[in-house]
Amino acid sequence: MMGYSVLMTVYKGDSPVYFRRSLSSMIGQTVPSDDIVVVEDGPIPESLRCVIRDFKEQGYPINTIELPQNVGLGLALNRGLAQCKHDLVARMDADDVSLPQRCERLLAVFHTDPTLDVVGSPVLEFQGSETSITGVRDVPKTNEDIHRFARRRDPFNHPAVMYKKESVLRCGPYGDYRKNQDTDLWIKMLSQGCRGANTEEPLLLFRFDESTLGKRKNWQNTKSLIGIRHAAYKMGFSSFTDWLVVAAVQLGMYALPAGFQKAVYSMLRKREV
């Protein structure tokens, strides 16, 4: 198997319990990494530092990067990506859980088709217990379907991807956005000819609680996404109709009651790609 790095960020608002579980799920991979890069996005409390210290004292290969102030996810990931020692990099969020075989499966896809730049998977959404699965966030599987799907929606689940560092740095990197950094990155990469794939099987448990939808139902998120999609239209990646549909949906989700947003979200989770 090829070597790979793991790229994570943590900031002061993250849960130490969730962070410990997330980090342990990457350490416990069937094909483990020898390079786990954790970016501290601004000062973090002792409870989070303790998690990192515990794993380091057990001898796990964790490389921490301490940023003096919070710069946001996109810029923090850029700082960490520059320090990853392998070209293949597995993303991970500080509150999700990777299934043990996740990285082994993704590495196998890259081994089968070395021309790929990004490989991801569907994710299982859960609330509370990891066995309480509430939905599946499916994604298109082939490169052709990914390019088509990306004109209106994200074709990858960001916390579940593995990508080539060289491709991200060449076509990206992450933009200076507080929200939707992944949407911007996928558009930039795909518009420049990068190739992607997703596995059939879900490889990550995505933590979905009552606050998840609330974080998306705010003006900053809405404005950011509409702006990113408008830039995609201007560069010719998507059509004016694509942008108009995205803008209408996002404005509707922002303006209408939370119950409507939840109903639409549930419908999309059941929809076949």
C-alpha atoms as a PDB file:
ATOM      1  CA  MET A   1       0.000   0.000   0.000  1.00  0.00           C
ATOM      2  CA  MET A   2       1.096   3.569  -0.726  1.00  0.00           C
ATOM      3  CA  GLY A   3       1.898   5.872   2.164  1.00  0.00           C
ATOM      4  CA  TYR A   4      -0.500   8.677   3.014  1.00  0.00           C
ATOM      5  CA  SER A   5      -0.858  11.615   5.390  1.00  0.00           C
ATOM      6  CA  VAL A   6      -3.882  12.546   7.492  1.00  0.00           C
ATOM      7  CA  LEU A   7      -4.947  16.201   7.621  1.00  0.00           C
ATOM      8  CA  MET A   8      -7.120  17.539  10.447  1.00  0.00           C
ATOM      9  CA  THR A   9      -7.823  20.872  12.109  1.00  0.00           C
ATOM     10  CA  VAL A  10      -9.069  21.591  15.602  1.00  0.00           C
ATOM     11  CA  TYR A  11     -10.252  24.854  17.121  1.00  0.00           C
ATOM     12  CA  LYS A  12     -11.407  26.046  20.535  1.00  0.00           C
ATOM     13  CA  GLY A  13     -15.080  25.236  19.939  1.00  0.00           C
ATOM     14  CA  ASP A  14     -14.528  21.532  19.210  1.00  0.00           C
ATOM     15  CA  SER A  15     -15.600  18.862  21.673  1.00  0.00           C
ATOM     16  CA  PRO A  16     -12.669  17.028  23.312  1.00  0.00           C
ATOM     17  CA  VAL A  17     -14.768  13.839  23.452  1.00  0.00           C
ATOM     18  CA  TYR A  18     -15.597  13.968  19.749  1.00  0.00           C
ATOM     19  CA  PHE A  19     -12.041  14.974  18.841  1.00  0.00           C
ATOM     20  CA  ARG A  20     -10.563  12.031  20.743  1.00  0.00           C
ATOM     21  CA  ARG A  21     -12.922   9.619  18.997  1.00  0.00           C
ATOM     22  CA  SER A  22     -12.204  11.144  15.583  1.00  0.00           C
ATOM     23  CA  LEU A  23      -8.440  10.988  16.033  1.00  0.00           C
ATOM     24  CA  SER A  24      -8.567   7.447  17.377  1.00  0.00           C
ATOM     25  CA  SER A  25     -10.590   6.332  14.350  1.00  0.00           C
ATOM     26  CA  MET A  26      -7.753   7.480  12.079  1.00  0.00           C
ATOM     27  CA  ILE A  27      -5.078   5.939  14.261  1.00  0.00           C
ATOM     28  CA  GLY A  28      -7.013   2.647  14.181  1.00  0.00           C
ATOM     29  CA  GLN A  29      -7.096   2.307  10.382  1.00  0.00           C
ATOM     30  CA  THR A  30      -6.398  -1.133   8.918  1.00  0.00           C
ATOM     31  CA  VAL A  31      -3.654   0.604   6.919  1.00  0.00           C
ATOM     32  CA  PRO A  32      -2.336   3.212   9.379  1.00  0.00           C
ATOM     33  CA  SER A  33      -0.688   6.500   8.465  1.00  0.00           C
ATOM     34  CA  ASP A  34       2.805   7.470   9.573  1.00  0.00           C
ATOM     35  CA  ASP A  35       2.035  11.187   9.258  1.00  0.00           C
ATOM     36  CA  ILE A  36      -0.981  12.680  11.068  1.00  0.00           C
ATOM     37  CA  VAL A  37      -0.990  16.470  10.730  1.00  0.00           C
ATOM     38  CA  VAL A  38      -3.215  18.352  13.193  1.00  0.00           C
ATOM     39  CA  VAL A  39      -3.530  22.115  12.748  1.00  0.00           C
ATOM     40  CA  GLU A  40      -4.536  24.034  15.866  1.00  0.00           C
ATOM     41  CA  ASP A  41      -6.564  26.862  14.323  1.00  0.00           C
ATOM     42  CA  GLY A  42      -5.868  29.483  16.977  1.00  0.00           C
ATOM     43  CA  PRO A  43      -5.415  28.917  20.712  1.00  0.00           C
ATOM     44  CA  ILE A  44      -7.214  25.817  22.009  1.00  0.00           C
ATOM     45  CA  PRO A  45      -8.144  24.895  25.602  1.00  0.00           C
ATOM     46  CA  GLU A  46      -6.188  22.426  27.704  1.00  0.00           C
ATOM     47  CA  SER A  47      -8.914  19.798  27.252  1.00  0.00           C
ATOM     48  CA  LEU A  48      -8.133  19.619  23.519  1.00  0.00           C
ATOM     49  CA  ARG A  49      -4.375  19.843  24.033  1.00  0.00           C
ATOM     50  CA  CYS A  50      -4.669  16.914  26.417  1.00  0.00           C
ATOM     51  CA  VAL A  51      -6.135  14.750  23.644  1.00  0.00           C
ATOM     52  CA  ILE A  52      -3.203  15.482  21.352  1.00  0.00           C
ATOM     53  CA  ARG A  53      -0.669  15.012  24.146  1.00  0.00           C
ATOM     54  CA  ASP A  54      -2.138  11.651  25.138  1.00  0.00           C
ATOM     55  CA  PHE A  55      -1.783  10.235  21.631  1.00  0.00           C
ATOM     56  CA  LYS A  56       1.715  11.677  21.198  1.00  0.00           C
ATOM     57  CA  GLU A  57       2.839  10.092  24.479  1.00  0.00           C
ATOM     58  CA  GLN A  58       1.628   6.742  23.167  1.00  0.00           C
ATOM     59  CA  GLY A  59       4.011   7.116  20.246  1.00  0.00           C
ATOM     60  CA  TYR A  60       1.564   7.907  17.475  1.00  0.00           C
ATOM     61  CA  PRO A  61       3.002  10.010  14.582  1.00  0.00           C
ATOM     62  CA  ILE A  62       1.148  13.262  15.219  1.00  0.00           C
ATOM     63  CA  ASN A  63       2.624  16.489  13.868  1.00  0.00           C
ATOM     64  CA  THR A  64       0.947  19.593  15.310  1.00  0.00           C
ATOM     65  CA  ILE A  65       0.948  23.045  13.769  1.00  0.00           C
ATOM     66  CA  GLU A  66      -0.039  25.848  16.154  1.00  0.00           C
ATOM     67  CA  LEU A  67      -1.541  28.946  14.547  1.00  0.00           C
ATOM     68  CA  PRO A  68      -1.433  32.032  16.807  1.00  0.00           C
ATOM     69  CA  GLN A  69      -4.955  33.076  15.798  1.00  0.00           C
ATOM     70  CA  ASN A  70      -8.031  31.516  14.231  1.00  0.00           C
ATOM     71  CA  VAL A  71      -7.839  31.879  10.444  1.00  0.00           C
ATOM     72  CA  GLY A  72     -10.750  29.650   9.402  1.00  0.00           C
ATOM     73  CA  LEU A  73     -10.869  26.128   8.064  1.00  0.00           C
ATOM     74  CA  GLY A  74      -9.681  26.811   4.513  1.00  0.00           C
ATOM     75  CA  LEU A  75      -6.498  28.689   5.415  1.00  0.00           C
ATOM     76  CA  ALA A  76      -5.751  26.317   8.292  1.00  0.00           C
ATOM     77  CA  LEU A  77      -5.988  23.359   5.905  1.00  0.00           C
ATOM     78  CA  ASN A  78      -3.602  25.070   3.504  1.00  0.00           C
ATOM     79  CA  ARG A  79      -1.050  25.438   6.275  1.00  0.00           C
ATOM     80  CA  GLY A  80      -1.395  21.792   7.214  1.00  0.00           C
ATOM     81  CA  LEU A  81      -1.362  20.542   3.644  1.00  0.00           C
ATOM     82  CA  ALA A  82       1.994  22.206   3.058  1.00  0.00           C
ATOM     83  CA  GLN A  83       3.438  20.112   5.907  1.00  0.00           C
ATOM     84  CA  CYS A  84       2.024  16.738   4.804  1.00  0.00           C
ATOM     85  CA  LYS A  85       4.920  14.517   3.766  1.00  0.00           C
ATOM     86  CA  HIS A  86       2.967  12.218   1.424  1.00  0.00           C
ATOM     87  CA  ASP A  87       1.264  13.164  -1.837  1.00  0.00           C
ATOM     88  CA  LEU A  88      -1.874  11.245  -0.858  1.00  0.00           C
ATOM     89  CA  VAL A  89      -3.719  13.024   1.956  1.00  0.00           C
ATOM     90  CA  ALA A  90      -6.790  11.810   3.843  1.00  0.00           C
ATOM     91  CA  ARG A  91      -9.021  14.592   5.187  1.00  0.00           C
ATOM     92  CA  MET A  92     -10.722  14.198   8.533  1.00  0.00           C
ATOM     93  CA  ASP A  93     -12.917  16.441  10.672  1.00  0.00           C
ATOM     94  CA  ALA A  94     -12.629  16.701  14.428  1.00  0.00           C
ATOM     95  CA  ASP A  95     -16.108  15.337  15.180  1.00  0.00           C
ATOM     96  CA  ASP A  96     -16.665  12.532  12.650  1.00  0.00           C
ATOM     97  CA  VAL A  97     -15.662   8.861  12.775  1.00  0.00           C
ATOM     98  CA  SER A  98     -13.825   6.982  10.032  1.00  0.00           C
ATOM     99  CA  LEU A  99     -14.642   3.309   9.598  1.00  0.00           C
ATOM    100  CA  PRO A 100     -11.537   1.124  10.111  1.00  0.00           C
ATOM    101  CA  GLN A 101     -11.158   0.166   6.450  1.00  0.00           C
ATOM    102  CA  ARG A 102     -11.691   3.692   5.076  1.00  0.00           C
ATOM    103  CA  CYS A 103      -8.124   4.512   4.051  1.00  0.00           C
ATOM    104  CA  GLU A 104      -7.366   0.991   2.863  1.00  0.00           C
ATOM    105  CA  ARG A 105     -10.343   1.180   0.479  1.00  0.00           C
ATOM    106  CA  LEU A 106      -9.398   4.646  -0.811  1.00  0.00           C
ATOM    107  CA  LEU A 107      -5.776   3.649  -1.355  1.00  0.00           C
ATOM    108  CA  ALA A 108      -6.956   0.652  -3.347  1.00  0.00           C
ATOM    109  CA  VAL A 109      -8.935   2.920  -5.687  1.00  0.00           C
ATOM    110  CA  PHE A 110      -5.874   5.100  -6.293  1.00  0.00           C
ATOM    111  CA  HIS A 111      -3.813   1.963  -6.910  1.00  0.00           C
ATOM    112  CA  THR A 112      -6.347   0.769  -9.495  1.00  0.00           C
ATOM    113  CA  ASP A 113      -6.502   4.150 -11.265  1.00  0.00           C
ATOM    114  CA  PRO A 114      -3.460   6.384 -10.601  1.00  0.00           C
ATOM    115  CA  THR A 115      -4.902   9.133 -12.837  1.00  0.00           C
ATOM    116  CA  LEU A 116      -7.460  10.049 -10.170  1.00  0.00           C
ATOM    117  CA  ASP A 117      -6.959  13.218  -8.131  1.00  0.00           C
ATOM    118  CA  VAL A 118      -9.747  12.872  -5.525  1.00  0.00           C
ATOM    119  CA  VAL A 119     -11.444   9.763  -4.157  1.00  0.00           C
ATOM    120  CA  GLY A 120     -14.257   9.848  -1.608  1.00  0.00           C
ATOM    121  CA  SER A 121     -17.239   7.878  -0.422  1.00  0.00           C
ATOM    122  CA  PRO A 122     -20.841   8.173   0.737  1.00  0.00           C
ATOM    123  CA  VAL A 123     -21.212   8.851   4.473  1.00  0.00           C
ATOM    124  CA  LEU A 124     -23.577   7.513   7.104  1.00  0.00           C
ATOM    125  CA  GLU A 125     -25.167  10.243   9.211  1.00  0.00           C
ATOM    126  CA  PHE A 126     -25.746   9.484  12.880  1.00  0.00           C
ATOM    127  CA  GLN A 127     -27.136  11.182  15.963  1.00  0.00           C
ATOM    128  CA  GLY A 128     -25.832  10.433  19.439  1.00  0.00           C
ATOM    129  CA  SER A 129     -24.698   6.823  19.304  1.00  0.00           C
ATOM    130  CA  GLU A 130     -22.647   5.705  16.332  1.00  0.00           C
ATOM    131  CA  THR A 131     -25.147   2.903  15.806  1.00  0.00           C
ATOM    132  CA  SER A 132     -28.040   5.367  15.447  1.00  0.00           C
ATOM    133  CA  ILE A 133     -27.795   5.878  11.690  1.00  0.00           C
ATOM    134  CA  THR A 134     -30.330   8.445  10.465  1.00  0.00           C
ATOM    135  CA  GLY A 135     -29.445   8.788   6.791  1.00  0.00           C
ATOM    136  CA  VAL A 136     -26.960   8.404   3.973  1.00  0.00           C
ATOM    137  CA  ARG A 137     -25.349  11.275   2.113  1.00  0.00           C
ATOM    138  CA  ASP A 138     -24.781   9.605  -1.252  1.00  0.00           C
ATOM    139  CA  VAL A 139     -22.537  10.952  -4.002  1.00  0.00           C
ATOM    140  CA  PRO A 140     -21.959  10.164  -7.707  1.00  0.00           C
ATOM    141  CA  LYS A 141     -19.444   7.404  -8.365  1.00  0.00           C
ATOM    142  CA  THR A 142     -17.822   7.949 -11.770  1.00  0.00           C
ATOM    143  CA  ASN A 143     -15.712  10.857 -12.973  1.00  0.00           C
ATOM    144  CA  GLU A 144     -18.288  11.774 -15.618  1.00  0.00           C
ATOM    145  CA  ASP A 145     -21.158  11.803 -13.129  1.00  0.00           C
ATOM    146  CA  ILE A 146     -19.068  13.767 -10.622  1.00  0.00           C
ATOM    147  CA  HIS A 147     -18.406  16.533 -13.165  1.00  0.00           C
ATOM    148  CA  ARG A 148     -22.098  16.691 -14.078  1.00  0.00           C
ATOM    149  CA  PHE A 149     -23.305  16.648 -10.466  1.00  0.00           C
ATOM    150  CA  ALA A 150     -20.794  19.314  -9.399  1.00  0.00           C
ATOM    151  CA  ARG A 151     -22.521  21.968 -11.496  1.00  0.00           C
ATOM    152  CA  ARG A 152     -25.141  22.340  -8.747  1.00  0.00           C
ATOM    153  CA  ARG A 153     -24.110  20.276  -5.729  1.00  0.00           C
ATOM    154  CA  ASP A 154     -20.984  19.038  -3.986  1.00  0.00           C
ATOM    155  CA  PRO A 155     -19.861  15.736  -5.567  1.00  0.00           C
ATOM    156  CA  PHE A 156     -17.714  14.710  -2.590  1.00  0.00           C
ATOM    157  CA  ASN A 157     -18.207  14.466   1.148  1.00  0.00           C
ATOM    158  CA  HIS A 158     -15.312  16.616   2.329  1.00  0.00           C
ATOM    159  CA  PRO A 159     -14.436  14.713   5.550  1.00  0.00           C
ATOM    160  CA  ALA A 160     -14.401  11.410   3.642  1.00  0.00           C
ATOM    161  CA  VAL A 161     -12.010  12.236   0.810  1.00  0.00           C
ATOM    162  CA  MET A 162      -8.430  11.345   0.055  1.00  0.00           C
ATOM    163  CA  TYR A 163      -6.719  13.531  -2.525  1.00  0.00           C
ATOM    164  CA  LYS A 164      -3.383  14.217  -4.137  1.00  0.00           C
ATOM    165  CA  LYS A 165      -1.560  17.047  -2.421  1.00  0.00           C
ATOM    166  CA  GLU A 166       0.061  18.106  -5.683  1.00  0.00           C
ATOM    167  CA  SER A 167      -3.309  18.392  -7.431  1.00  0.00           C
ATOM    168  CA  VAL A 168      -4.843  20.478  -4.642  1.00  0.00           C
ATOM    169  CA  LEU A 169      -1.886  22.849  -4.508  1.00  0.00           C
ATOM    170  CA  ARG A 170      -1.745  23.139  -8.303  1.00  0.00           C
ATOM    171  CA  CYS A 171      -5.462  23.728  -8.921  1.00  0.00           C
ATOM    172  CA  GLY A 172      -6.519  25.197  -5.582  1.00  0.00           C
ATOM    173  CA  PRO A 173      -5.655  25.492  -2.832  1.00  0.00           C
ATOM    174  CA  TYR A 174      -8.473  26.161  -0.373  1.00  0.00           C
ATOM    175  CA  GLY A 175      -9.941  29.657  -0.611  1.00  0.00           C
ATOM    176  CA  ASP A 176     -10.207  32.131   2.255  1.00  0.00           C
ATOM    177  CA  TYR A 177     -13.804  31.261   3.083  1.00  0.00           C
ATOM    178  CA  ARG A 178     -15.330  30.721   6.504  1.00  0.00           C
ATOM    179  CA  LYS A 179     -17.958  28.515   4.855  1.00  0.00           C
ATOM    180  CA  ASN A 180     -18.071  26.216   1.807  1.00  0.00           C
ATOM    181  CA  GLN A 181     -14.301  25.933   1.345  1.00  0.00           C
ATOM    182  CA  ASP A 182     -14.778  22.454  -0.093  1.00  0.00           C
ATOM    183  CA  THR A 183     -17.326  23.617  -2.684  1.00  0.00           C
ATOM    184  CA  ASP A 184     -14.848  26.196  -3.938  1.00  0.00           C
ATOM    185  CA  LEU A 185     -12.031  23.632  -4.050  1.00  0.00           C
ATOM    186  CA  TRP A 186     -14.004  21.012  -5.983  1.00  0.00           C
ATOM    187  CA  ILE A 187     -15.055  23.579  -8.590  1.00  0.00           C
ATOM    188  CA  LYS A 188     -11.476  24.804  -9.043  1.00  0.00           C
ATOM    189  CA  MET A 189     -10.080  21.292  -9.340  1.00  0.00           C
ATOM    190  CA  LEU A 190     -12.739  19.875 -11.650  1.00  0.00           C
ATOM    191  CA  SER A 191     -12.743  22.949 -13.886  1.00  0.00           C
ATOM    192  CA  GLN A 192      -9.028  22.350 -14.482  1.00  0.00           C
ATOM    193  CA  GLY A 193      -9.488  18.744 -15.496  1.00  0.00           C
ATOM    194  CA  CYS A 194      -8.956  16.891 -12.251  1.00  0.00           C
ATOM    195  CA  ARG A 195     -10.524  13.445 -12.096  1.00  0.00           C
ATOM    196  CA  GLY A 196     -12.532  11.991  -9.233  1.00  0.00           C
ATOM    197  CA  ALA A 197     -14.326   8.881  -8.035  1.00  0.00           C
ATOM    198  CA  ASN A 198     -16.385   7.749  -5.061  1.00  0.00           C
ATOM    199  CA  THR A 199     -16.664   4.273  -3.624  1.00  0.00           C
ATOM    200  CA  GLU A 200     -19.973   2.447  -3.536  1.00  0.00           C
ATOM    201  CA  GLU A 201     -19.725   1.784   0.206  1.00  0.00           C
ATOM    202  CA  PRO A 202     -19.931   4.451   2.930  1.00  0.00           C
ATOM    203  CA  LEU A 203     -16.607   4.769   4.742  1.00  0.00           C
ATOM    204  CA  LEU A 204     -17.293   7.473   7.325  1.00  0.00           C
ATOM    205  CA  LEU A 205     -19.811   8.229  10.065  1.00  0.00           C
ATOM    206  CA  PHE A 206     -20.894  11.875   9.879  1.00  0.00           C
ATOM    207  CA  ARG A 207     -22.059  13.368  13.162  1.00  0.00           C
ATOM    208  CA  PHE A 208     -25.421  15.051  12.549  1.00  0.00           C
ATOM    209  CA  ASP A 209     -27.095  16.736  15.499  1.00  0.00           C
ATOM    210  CA  GLU A 210     -29.740  19.404  15.999  1.00  0.00           C
ATOM    211  CA  SER A 211     -27.242  22.207  15.427  1.00  0.00           C
ATOM    212  CA  THR A 212     -26.009  20.918  12.064  1.00  0.00           C
ATOM    213  CA  LEU A 213     -28.832  22.382   9.989  1.00  0.00           C
ATOM    214  CA  GLY A 214     -28.803  25.540  12.066  1.00  0.00           C
ATOM    215  CA  LYS A 215     -25.172  26.161  11.150  1.00  0.00           C
ATOM    216  CA  ARG A 216     -26.155  26.078   7.488  1.00  0.00           C
ATOM    217  CA  LYS A 217     -29.222  28.286   7.905  1.00  0.00           C
ATOM    218  CA  ASN A 218     -27.424  31.604   8.206  1.00  0.00           C
ATOM    219  CA  TRP A 219     -26.757  34.484   5.875  1.00  0.00           C
ATOM    220  CA  GLN A 220     -22.983  34.054   5.833  1.00  0.00           C
ATOM    221  CA  ASN A 221     -23.317  30.495   4.588  1.00  0.00           C
ATOM    222  CA  THR A 222     -26.013  31.423   2.040  1.00  0.00           C
ATOM    223  CA  LYS A 223     -24.129  34.418   0.647  1.00  0.00           C
ATOM    224  CA  SER A 224     -20.866  32.480   0.459  1.00  0.00           C
ATOM    225  CA  LEU A 225     -22.347  29.565  -1.453  1.00  0.00           C
ATOM    226  CA  ILE A 226     -24.241  31.758  -3.931  1.00  0.00           C
ATOM    227  CA  GLY A 227     -21.059  33.754  -4.543  1.00  0.00           C
ATOM    228  CA  ILE A 228     -18.948  30.638  -5.126  1.00  0.00           C
ATOM    229  CA  ARG A 229     -21.522  29.223  -7.527  1.00  0.00           C
ATOM    230  CA  HIS A 230     -21.722  32.541  -9.380  1.00  0.00           C
ATOM    231  CA  ALA A 231     -17.947  32.457  -9.843  1.00  0.00           C
ATOM    232  CA  ALA A 232     -18.320  28.935 -11.249  1.00  0.00           C
ATOM    233  CA  TYR A 233     -20.834  30.263 -13.789  1.00  0.00           C
ATOM    234  CA  LYS A 234     -18.553  33.174 -14.749  1.00  0.00           C
ATOM    235  CA  MET A 235     -15.642  30.801 -15.415  1.00  0.00           C
ATOM    236  CA  GLY A 236     -17.874  28.586 -17.575  1.00  0.00           C
ATOM    237  CA  PHE A 237     -17.925  25.587 -15.256  1.00  0.00           C
ATOM    238  CA  SER A 238     -21.710  25.720 -14.871  1.00  0.00           C
ATOM    239  CA  SER A 239     -24.565  27.383 -16.747  1.00  0.00           C
ATOM    240  CA  PHE A 240     -26.605  30.424 -15.774  1.00  0.00           C
ATOM    241  CA  THR A 241     -29.528  28.075 -15.128  1.00  0.00           C
ATOM    242  CA  ASP A 242     -27.366  26.012 -12.767  1.00  0.00           C
ATOM    243  CA  TRP A 243     -26.458  29.135 -10.808  1.00  0.00           C
ATOM    244  CA  LEU A 244     -30.046  30.379 -10.791  1.00  0.00           C
ATOM    245  CA  VAL A 245     -31.307  27.074  -9.373  1.00  0.00           C
ATOM    246  CA  VAL A 246     -28.656  27.052  -6.656  1.00  0.00           C
ATOM    247  CA  ALA A 247     -29.344  30.683  -5.726  1.00  0.00           C
ATOM    248  CA  ALA A 248     -33.115  30.124  -5.572  1.00  0.00           C
ATOM    249  CA  VAL A 249     -32.773  26.998  -3.429  1.00  0.00           C
ATOM    250  CA  GLN A 250     -30.289  28.599  -1.037  1.00  0.00           C
ATOM    251  CA  LEU A 251     -32.365  31.767  -0.613  1.00  0.00           C
ATOM    252  CA  GLY A 252     -35.459  29.649  -0.056  1.00  0.00           C
ATOM    253  CA  MET A 253     -33.713  27.518   2.550  1.00  0.00           C
ATOM    254  CA  TYR A 254     -32.556  30.664   4.314  1.00  0.00           C
ATOM    255  CA  ALA A 255     -35.895  32.457   4.245  1.00  0.00           C
ATOM    256  CA  LEU A 256     -38.322  29.625   4.956  1.00  0.00           C
ATOM    257  CA  PRO A 257     -38.928  28.027   8.389  1.00  0.00           C
ATOM    258  CA  ALA A 258     -36.478  25.494   9.823  1.00  0.00           C
ATOM    259  CA  GLY A 259     -39.078  22.741   9.464  1.00  0.00           C
ATOM    260  CA  PHE A 260     -39.141  23.228   5.697  1.00  0.00           C
ATOM    261  CA  GLN A 261     -35.357  23.100   5.568  1.00  0.00           C
ATOM    262  CA  LYS A 262     -35.364  19.845   7.478  1.00  0.00           C
ATOM    263  CA  ALA A 263     -37.961  18.325   5.122  1.00  0.00           C
ATOM    264  CA  VAL A 264     -35.950  19.279   2.030  1.00  0.00           C
ATOM    265  CA  TYR A 265     -32.774  17.939   3.590  1.00  0.00           C
ATOM    266  CA  SER A 266     -34.449  14.602   4.347  1.00  0.00           C
ATOM    267  CA  MET A 267     -35.769  14.395   0.782  1.00  0.00           C
ATOM    268  CA  LEU A 268     -32.287  14.964  -0.673  1.00  0.00           C
ATOM    269  CA  ARG A 269     -30.851  12.252   1.530  1.00  0.00           C
ATOM    270  CA  LYS A 270     -33.340   9.753   0.111  1.00  0.00           C
ATOM    271  CA  ARG A 271     -32.832  10.876  -3.472  1.00  0.00           C
ATOM    272  CA  GLU A 272     -30.895   8.631  -5.839  1.00  0.00           C
ATOM    273  CA  VAL A 273     -27.832  10.220  -7.422  1.00  0.00           C
END
